């Protein structure tokens, strides 16, 4: 018997599906820890909100990147643990909702065409294949390896989700404000830790991760410097100057030597690329800052820097020399671990051992060469190079002061993170990489936004022409009558 067109078959199937979900969710809540029901309720709320207020969900995600707690599932190996943050769950739920929207709207697409797509695909293919191979050869624990593959892919997912949502300059400004507000809150929190040890971001546990906070500050300070170099509006300029100065104190108290190293090329990148009268101001401020830091650096910050060059003999750690200067135990231990990594790489030089196989190694580049081999390191560097070249191209071609400031700031932060990654796993740290890929998506959307802005006046002109033609026709008809 044929089904009538007005028979609510879709409604019945949908209701049945919702009923099944409710049964399983209810059963899960009854046997789960307290945190799980809370997370489920929030997830369902975000899922529904995605269909109604997509921009609001994206703003929530920006705040959650640095201000959300961590759910630790314990160590799976002696070197790495599985930890999930609330923003990870938000990204998963948001992605599911976005997939549902894609199914309903055929015009939407998940993978937007950008100049760096091929390098993302190549890098993702190499780390996935390398890790699967590592699982088969028992170099990588299957659960841990799978988790880290998904973790790496999550950053690219953030990138494509943001690209699919950004359509206008208003969105870019709203997201930028959210990043700046989050940065302010993080620095205020860091101020409260001064005097009790090294400062870190909120919800980092009892020990904290000062190096992570330092890397995040390098990225956002780069954005702020880029905006300051191009913004003309005083209502933006003075608050940004105040925020930059305000953040330097907690930045110093991270006692992160890697971050101290990274902030220098970040600032120099702005000076080199920004070829206007304000360039002289930036150079002058840099010289003043160097002089002030020499005389007014906090004692513990000076000690932390000098500790790099204070040789202390520790059993089992050889002392390294650079240009005849003996390094301290921390720096020597890093160099020793890098030497071991190179020897390990020689055994599997092409595709490596797989993600997590290097254990805890304080260098993104040495971790990559051990885990992904020469092919993986080359693909990684090619991706970073492509990001730099295409962002620079967008910066040079843009005529909008906010877009130019954002792209220049990202370039500066990108260069800074390249130096930060020398002695840290910068490009896999969630609290640095989620903002990084979100901001990169905003920049890659700039050419499309500017093209749409150029077309708006043309559309208005065409509408006026059509209106004038209609008025002319009316007058002709009235005269004929």
Foldseek 3Di string as FASTA:
>chain_A
DDDDPPPPPVVVVVVVVVVVVVVVLVVCCVPDDPVVVVLVVVLVVLLVVCVVPVLVLVLVLLLQLQPWAKDWPACPDPFDGDIDTSSNSSLVSSVVSVVVVCVVDVVADQDDDFLLVVLVVLLLVLQVVLAVVLCVVVLDPVVVQVSLSVLLVSLVSLLSVLLRPDFAPVSVVVNLVSNLVSLLVQLVQQVVCPPVAAGAGPNQPDVHDLLLRLLQLLLVLLLLLLLLLQDDDPVSNPVSVVSSVSNVVSSLRNLDVLSVVLNVLLLVLLLVLRPDPCSVVSVVVVVVVVVCCVPPPDPVSVVSVCQQQDDDDDPPFDWDDDPNGTTYRVNSVLVVLLVVLVVLCVVVAAQANHPCSSRDHFAQQSNQCHHGHPSSSVSVVVSLVSLLVVLSVLLVPDDDSSLVSLSSSNNSSSSSVVSSRGGHSQCSDSSRSNVNSSSSSVNSSVVSNVVVVVCVVVVVVVVVVVVVVVVVVVVVVVVVD
